[in-house]
Amino acid sequence: GADATVGTALLRVGIDEKTFRPQAGKIGDYRYIPTQGAIAAQHVMYVTTPHVRRLGYTEIRHFAARVLEALTECAPNTRHLAMTLHGANFGLDENEAFFSQFAGYRRAMLAGQLPPMLEQITIVEKDSSRVQRLQTTLDGNLINASYAKRLKSGWGYQLAIQPTNSPAKASEAEP
């Protein structure tokens, strides 16, 4: 997947794999490193997930929330997060995997566990048909969501974030 492609690019510029691979088996462990020009992004973060055979929708939600939490710890000035869709190529339903990832981000947002400078999250996907399907599905689910406002240009949504001192409702995390 994309992590292997990025890993290969990092190796090509001389970055040792031990530098960017988190400890295997320690779920949520992460490594955040400069890419030294290996890819367009200035930094890359690898986060340990359960083995793909144990990766379900709940684990994807936890993973997405953990990514935002980890960025808060190591890169609080992050403005843009780009991530791949997780689970869709490993037997999980692409819509459910997408909504699980979205719900993880949203829960972290509602809990105030995100970089304070974060402006944008992009789900990177090379399959243009999948992108179209997910956009259509998300549009249908967010059309009446009080916390989501469609962007005026391009495609995407601006999400309202509650202040960290107000309790987050689990139902608001689901699209």
C-alpha atoms as a PDB file:
ATOM      1  CA  GLY A   1       0.000   0.000   0.000  1.00  0.00           C
ATOM      2  CA  ALA A   2       0.881   3.645   0.303  1.00  0.00           C
ATOM      3  CA  ASP A   3       2.937   3.080   3.458  1.00  0.00           C
ATOM      4  CA  ALA A   4       5.234   0.727   1.540  1.00  0.00           C
ATOM      5  CA  THR A   5       5.549   3.224  -1.326  1.00  0.00           C
ATOM      6  CA  VAL A   6       6.481   6.001   1.085  1.00  0.00           C
ATOM      7  CA  GLY A   7       8.827   3.652   2.957  1.00  0.00           C
ATOM      8  CA  THR A   8      10.643   2.801  -0.278  1.00  0.00           C
ATOM      9  CA  ALA A   9      11.038   6.507  -1.070  1.00  0.00           C
ATOM     10  CA  LEU A  10      12.439   7.139   2.424  1.00  0.00           C
ATOM     11  CA  LEU A  11      14.909   4.277   2.034  1.00  0.00           C
ATOM     12  CA  ARG A  12      16.045   5.718  -1.328  1.00  0.00           C
ATOM     13  CA  VAL A  13      17.138   8.964   0.335  1.00  0.00           C
ATOM     14  CA  GLY A  14      19.029   7.061   3.026  1.00  0.00           C
ATOM     15  CA  ILE A  15      16.569   7.065   5.904  1.00  0.00           C
ATOM     16  CA  ASP A  16      16.953   3.878   7.933  1.00  0.00           C
ATOM     17  CA  GLU A  17      13.763   1.827   8.262  1.00  0.00           C
ATOM     18  CA  LYS A  18      14.274   1.636  12.041  1.00  0.00           C
ATOM     19  CA  THR A  19      13.838   5.419  12.093  1.00  0.00           C
ATOM     20  CA  PHE A  20      10.346   5.425  10.618  1.00  0.00           C
ATOM     21  CA  ARG A  21       8.829   2.057  11.548  1.00  0.00           C
ATOM     22  CA  PRO A  22       7.135   2.077  14.966  1.00  0.00           C
ATOM     23  CA  GLN A  23       7.505  -0.853  17.332  1.00  0.00           C
ATOM     24  CA  ALA A  24       5.556  -3.813  15.957  1.00  0.00           C
ATOM     25  CA  GLY A  25       2.714  -5.000  18.145  1.00  0.00           C
ATOM     26  CA  LYS A  26       2.505  -1.795  20.171  1.00  0.00           C
ATOM     27  CA  ILE A  27      -0.803  -0.434  18.853  1.00  0.00           C
ATOM     28  CA  GLY A  28      -0.827   3.357  18.628  1.00  0.00           C
ATOM     29  CA  ASP A  29       2.966   3.700  18.762  1.00  0.00           C
ATOM     30  CA  TYR A  30       4.148   6.184  16.158  1.00  0.00           C
ATOM     31  CA  ARG A  31       7.162   7.659  14.436  1.00  0.00           C
ATOM     32  CA  TYR A  32       7.136  11.172  12.994  1.00  0.00           C
ATOM     33  CA  ILE A  33      10.127  12.076  10.857  1.00  0.00           C
ATOM     34  CA  PRO A  34      11.247  14.582   8.210  1.00  0.00           C
ATOM     35  CA  THR A  35      11.105  13.087   4.725  1.00  0.00           C
ATOM     36  CA  GLN A  36      14.278  14.806   3.450  1.00  0.00           C
ATOM     37  CA  GLY A  37      12.526  15.450   0.130  1.00  0.00           C
ATOM     38  CA  ALA A  38      11.695  11.773  -0.472  1.00  0.00           C
ATOM     39  CA  ILE A  39       8.020  12.698  -1.010  1.00  0.00           C
ATOM     40  CA  ALA A  40       6.112  15.971  -1.398  1.00  0.00           C
ATOM     41  CA  ALA A  41       5.186  16.086   2.295  1.00  0.00           C
ATOM     42  CA  GLN A  42       7.796  17.531   4.651  1.00  0.00           C
ATOM     43  CA  HIS A  43       7.074  14.965   7.353  1.00  0.00           C
ATOM     44  CA  VAL A  44       5.608  11.498   7.537  1.00  0.00           C
ATOM     45  CA  MET A  45       4.062   9.663  10.431  1.00  0.00           C
ATOM     46  CA  TYR A  46       3.679   5.917  10.777  1.00  0.00           C
ATOM     47  CA  VAL A  47       1.254   4.652  13.426  1.00  0.00           C
ATOM     48  CA  THR A  48       1.058   1.007  14.461  1.00  0.00           C
ATOM     49  CA  THR A  49      -2.289  -0.635  13.777  1.00  0.00           C
ATOM     50  CA  PRO A  50      -3.475  -4.136  14.515  1.00  0.00           C
ATOM     51  CA  HIS A  51      -2.560  -6.735  11.899  1.00  0.00           C
ATOM     52  CA  VAL A  52      -4.888  -6.460   8.884  1.00  0.00           C
ATOM     53  CA  ARG A  53      -6.705  -9.650   9.924  1.00  0.00           C
ATOM     54  CA  ARG A  54      -7.638  -7.900  13.177  1.00  0.00           C
ATOM     55  CA  LEU A  55      -8.324  -4.479  11.681  1.00  0.00           C
ATOM     56  CA  GLY A  56     -12.042  -3.762  11.917  1.00  0.00           C
ATOM     57  CA  TYR A  57     -14.182  -0.662  11.951  1.00  0.00           C
ATOM     58  CA  THR A  58     -13.650  -0.016  15.669  1.00  0.00           C
ATOM     59  CA  GLU A  59      -9.876  -0.244  15.222  1.00  0.00           C
ATOM     60  CA  ILE A  60     -10.035   2.187  12.291  1.00  0.00           C
ATOM     61  CA  ARG A  61     -11.940   4.697  14.462  1.00  0.00           C
ATOM     62  CA  HIS A  62      -9.325   4.375  17.203  1.00  0.00           C
ATOM     63  CA  PHE A  63      -6.515   4.638  14.665  1.00  0.00           C
ATOM     64  CA  ALA A  64      -7.867   7.850  13.090  1.00  0.00           C
ATOM     65  CA  ALA A  65      -8.344   9.454  16.499  1.00  0.00           C
ATOM     66  CA  ARG A  66      -4.850   8.323  17.541  1.00  0.00           C
ATOM     67  CA  VAL A  67      -3.329   9.982  14.473  1.00  0.00           C
ATOM     68  CA  LEU A  68      -4.780  13.361  15.472  1.00  0.00           C
ATOM     69  CA  GLU A  69      -3.773  12.823  19.098  1.00  0.00           C
ATOM     70  CA  ALA A  70      -0.216  11.886  18.071  1.00  0.00           C
ATOM     71  CA  LEU A  71       0.062  14.946  15.849  1.00  0.00           C
ATOM     72  CA  THR A  72      -1.022  17.073  18.811  1.00  0.00           C
ATOM     73  CA  GLU A  73       1.881  15.569  20.779  1.00  0.00           C
ATOM     74  CA  CYS A  74       4.646  15.748  18.175  1.00  0.00           C
ATOM     75  CA  ALA A  75       3.552  18.325  15.585  1.00  0.00           C
ATOM     76  CA  PRO A  76       0.996  20.713  17.091  1.00  0.00           C
ATOM     77  CA  ASN A  77       1.501  23.229  14.267  1.00  0.00           C
ATOM     78  CA  THR A  78       0.237  20.779  11.649  1.00  0.00           C
ATOM     79  CA  ARG A  79      -2.115  22.536   9.264  1.00  0.00           C
ATOM     80  CA  HIS A  80      -2.839  19.748   6.758  1.00  0.00           C
ATOM     81  CA  LEU A  81      -3.064  15.999   7.312  1.00  0.00           C
ATOM     82  CA  ALA A  82      -3.131  13.696   4.282  1.00  0.00           C
ATOM     83  CA  MET A  83      -3.937  10.033   4.903  1.00  0.00           C
ATOM     84  CA  THR A  84      -4.966   7.016   2.904  1.00  0.00           C
ATOM     85  CA  LEU A  85      -8.261   5.224   3.407  1.00  0.00           C
ATOM     86  CA  HIS A  86      -7.719   2.301   5.768  1.00  0.00           C
ATOM     87  CA  GLY A  87      -9.415  -1.084   5.571  1.00  0.00           C
ATOM     88  CA  ALA A  88     -11.068  -0.889   2.149  1.00  0.00           C
ATOM     89  CA  ASN A  89      -8.411  -3.001   0.436  1.00  0.00           C
ATOM     90  CA  PHE A  90      -8.409  -5.624   3.185  1.00  0.00           C
ATOM     91  CA  GLY A  91     -11.933  -6.966   2.878  1.00  0.00           C
ATOM     92  CA  LEU A  92     -13.822  -4.245   4.739  1.00  0.00           C
ATOM     93  CA  ASP A  93     -16.673  -2.336   3.123  1.00  0.00           C
ATOM     94  CA  GLU A  94     -15.209   0.880   1.702  1.00  0.00           C
ATOM     95  CA  ASN A  95     -18.096   3.069   2.911  1.00  0.00           C
ATOM     96  CA  GLU A  96     -18.027   1.647   6.442  1.00  0.00           C
ATOM     97  CA  ALA A  97     -14.220   1.919   6.557  1.00  0.00           C
ATOM     98  CA  PHE A  98     -14.432   5.531   5.374  1.00  0.00           C
ATOM     99  CA  PHE A  99     -17.136   6.430   7.899  1.00  0.00           C
ATOM    100  CA  SER A 100     -15.172   4.716  10.667  1.00  0.00           C
ATOM    101  CA  GLN A 101     -12.124   6.804   9.809  1.00  0.00           C
ATOM    102  CA  PHE A 102     -14.271   9.948   9.621  1.00  0.00           C
ATOM    103  CA  ALA A 103     -15.868   9.105  12.983  1.00  0.00           C
ATOM    104  CA  GLY A 104     -12.421   8.709  14.547  1.00  0.00           C
ATOM    105  CA  TYR A 105     -11.382  12.153  13.332  1.00  0.00           C
ATOM    106  CA  ARG A 106     -14.649  13.647  14.501  1.00  0.00           C
ATOM    107  CA  ARG A 107     -14.403  12.103  17.955  1.00  0.00           C
ATOM    108  CA  ALA A 108     -10.875  13.466  18.352  1.00  0.00           C
ATOM    109  CA  MET A 109     -12.107  16.879  17.215  1.00  0.00           C
ATOM    110  CA  LEU A 110     -14.999  16.880  19.673  1.00  0.00           C
ATOM    111  CA  ALA A 111     -12.630  15.846  22.470  1.00  0.00           C
ATOM    112  CA  GLY A 112     -10.192  18.639  21.577  1.00  0.00           C
ATOM    113  CA  GLN A 113      -7.468  16.108  20.739  1.00  0.00           C
ATOM    114  CA  LEU A 114      -6.252  17.597  17.483  1.00  0.00           C
ATOM    115  CA  PRO A 115      -3.498  19.993  16.499  1.00  0.00           C
ATOM    116  CA  PRO A 116      -4.806  23.508  17.209  1.00  0.00           C
ATOM    117  CA  MET A 117      -3.600  24.781  13.810  1.00  0.00           C
ATOM    118  CA  LEU A 118      -5.220  21.947  11.796  1.00  0.00           C
ATOM    119  CA  GLU A 119      -7.198  23.323   8.859  1.00  0.00           C
ATOM    120  CA  GLN A 120      -7.588  20.376   6.530  1.00  0.00           C
ATOM    121  CA  ILE A 121      -7.715  16.585   6.440  1.00  0.00           C
ATOM    122  CA  THR A 122      -7.396  14.946   3.044  1.00  0.00           C
ATOM    123  CA  ILE A 123      -8.135  11.297   2.400  1.00  0.00           C
ATOM    124  CA  VAL A 124      -5.752  10.257  -0.370  1.00  0.00           C
ATOM    125  CA  GLU A 125      -7.060   7.597  -2.746  1.00  0.00           C
ATOM    126  CA  LYS A 126      -5.691   6.632  -6.162  1.00  0.00           C
ATOM    127  CA  ASP A 127      -8.845   4.812  -7.340  1.00  0.00           C
ATOM    128  CA  SER A 128     -10.894   7.628  -8.889  1.00  0.00           C
ATOM    129  CA  SER A 129     -14.049   5.476  -8.990  1.00  0.00           C
ATOM    130  CA  ARG A 130     -13.772   4.899  -5.238  1.00  0.00           C
ATOM    131  CA  VAL A 131     -13.269   8.635  -4.694  1.00  0.00           C
ATOM    132  CA  GLN A 132     -16.497   9.361  -6.601  1.00  0.00           C
ATOM    133  CA  ARG A 133     -18.437   6.730  -4.643  1.00  0.00           C
ATOM    134  CA  LEU A 134     -17.171   8.002  -1.291  1.00  0.00           C
ATOM    135  CA  GLN A 135     -17.877  11.624  -2.178  1.00  0.00           C
ATOM    136  CA  THR A 136     -21.444  10.754  -3.161  1.00  0.00           C
ATOM    137  CA  THR A 137     -21.956   8.755   0.017  1.00  0.00           C
ATOM    138  CA  LEU A 138     -20.473  11.470   2.234  1.00  0.00           C
ATOM    139  CA  ASP A 139     -22.582  14.149   0.543  1.00  0.00           C
ATOM    140  CA  GLY A 140     -25.695  12.103   1.265  1.00  0.00           C
ATOM    141  CA  ASN A 141     -24.745  11.680   4.913  1.00  0.00           C
ATOM    142  CA  LEU A 142     -23.621  15.240   5.643  1.00  0.00           C
ATOM    143  CA  ILE A 143     -26.334  17.138   3.791  1.00  0.00           C
ATOM    144  CA  ASN A 144     -28.358  17.631   6.980  1.00  0.00           C
ATOM    145  CA  ALA A 145     -25.493  17.524   9.498  1.00  0.00           C
ATOM    146  CA  SER A 146     -25.582  20.722  11.541  1.00  0.00           C
ATOM    147  CA  TYR A 147     -21.815  20.615  12.065  1.00  0.00           C
ATOM    148  CA  ALA A 148     -20.858  20.311   8.354  1.00  0.00           C
ATOM    149  CA  LYS A 149     -20.828  23.097   5.794  1.00  0.00           C
ATOM    150  CA  ARG A 150     -20.022  22.366   2.137  1.00  0.00           C
ATOM    151  CA  LEU A 151     -17.042  24.344   0.826  1.00  0.00           C
ATOM    152  CA  LYS A 152     -17.846  27.065  -1.716  1.00  0.00           C
ATOM    153  CA  SER A 153     -15.065  25.991  -4.058  1.00  0.00           C
ATOM    154  CA  GLY A 154     -13.725  22.529  -4.771  1.00  0.00           C
ATOM    155  CA  TRP A 155     -15.128  19.550  -2.936  1.00  0.00           C
ATOM    156  CA  GLY A 156     -15.091  19.144   0.807  1.00  0.00           C
ATOM    157  CA  TYR A 157     -16.635  20.226   4.073  1.00  0.00           C
ATOM    158  CA  GLN A 158     -15.808  22.588   6.888  1.00  0.00           C
ATOM    159  CA  LEU A 159     -16.646  20.937  10.190  1.00  0.00           C
ATOM    160  CA  ALA A 160     -17.619  22.827  13.314  1.00  0.00           C
ATOM    161  CA  ILE A 161     -15.664  21.873  16.388  1.00  0.00           C
ATOM    162  CA  GLN A 162     -17.107  22.240  19.866  1.00  0.00           C
ATOM    163  CA  PRO A 163     -14.997  23.961  22.517  1.00  0.00           C
ATOM    164  CA  THR A 164     -12.968  21.384  24.454  1.00  0.00           C
ATOM    165  CA  ASN A 165     -14.827  22.126  27.695  1.00  0.00           C
ATOM    166  CA  SER A 166     -18.231  21.046  26.334  1.00  0.00           C
ATOM    167  CA  PRO A 167     -19.063  17.365  26.415  1.00  0.00           C
ATOM    168  CA  ALA A 168     -18.882  15.580  23.053  1.00  0.00           C
ATOM    169  CA  LYS A 169     -21.872  13.575  21.992  1.00  0.00           C
ATOM    170  CA  ALA A 170     -20.982  10.230  20.431  1.00  0.00           C
ATOM    171  CA  SER A 171     -23.826  10.667  17.946  1.00  0.00           C
ATOM    172  CA  GLU A 172     -22.173  13.811  16.561  1.00  0.00           C
ATOM    173  CA  ALA A 173     -19.105  11.816  15.601  1.00  0.00           C
ATOM    174  CA  GLU A 174     -21.016   9.663  13.145  1.00  0.00           C
ATOM    175  CA  PRO A 175     -21.658  11.164   9.691  1.00  0.00           C
END
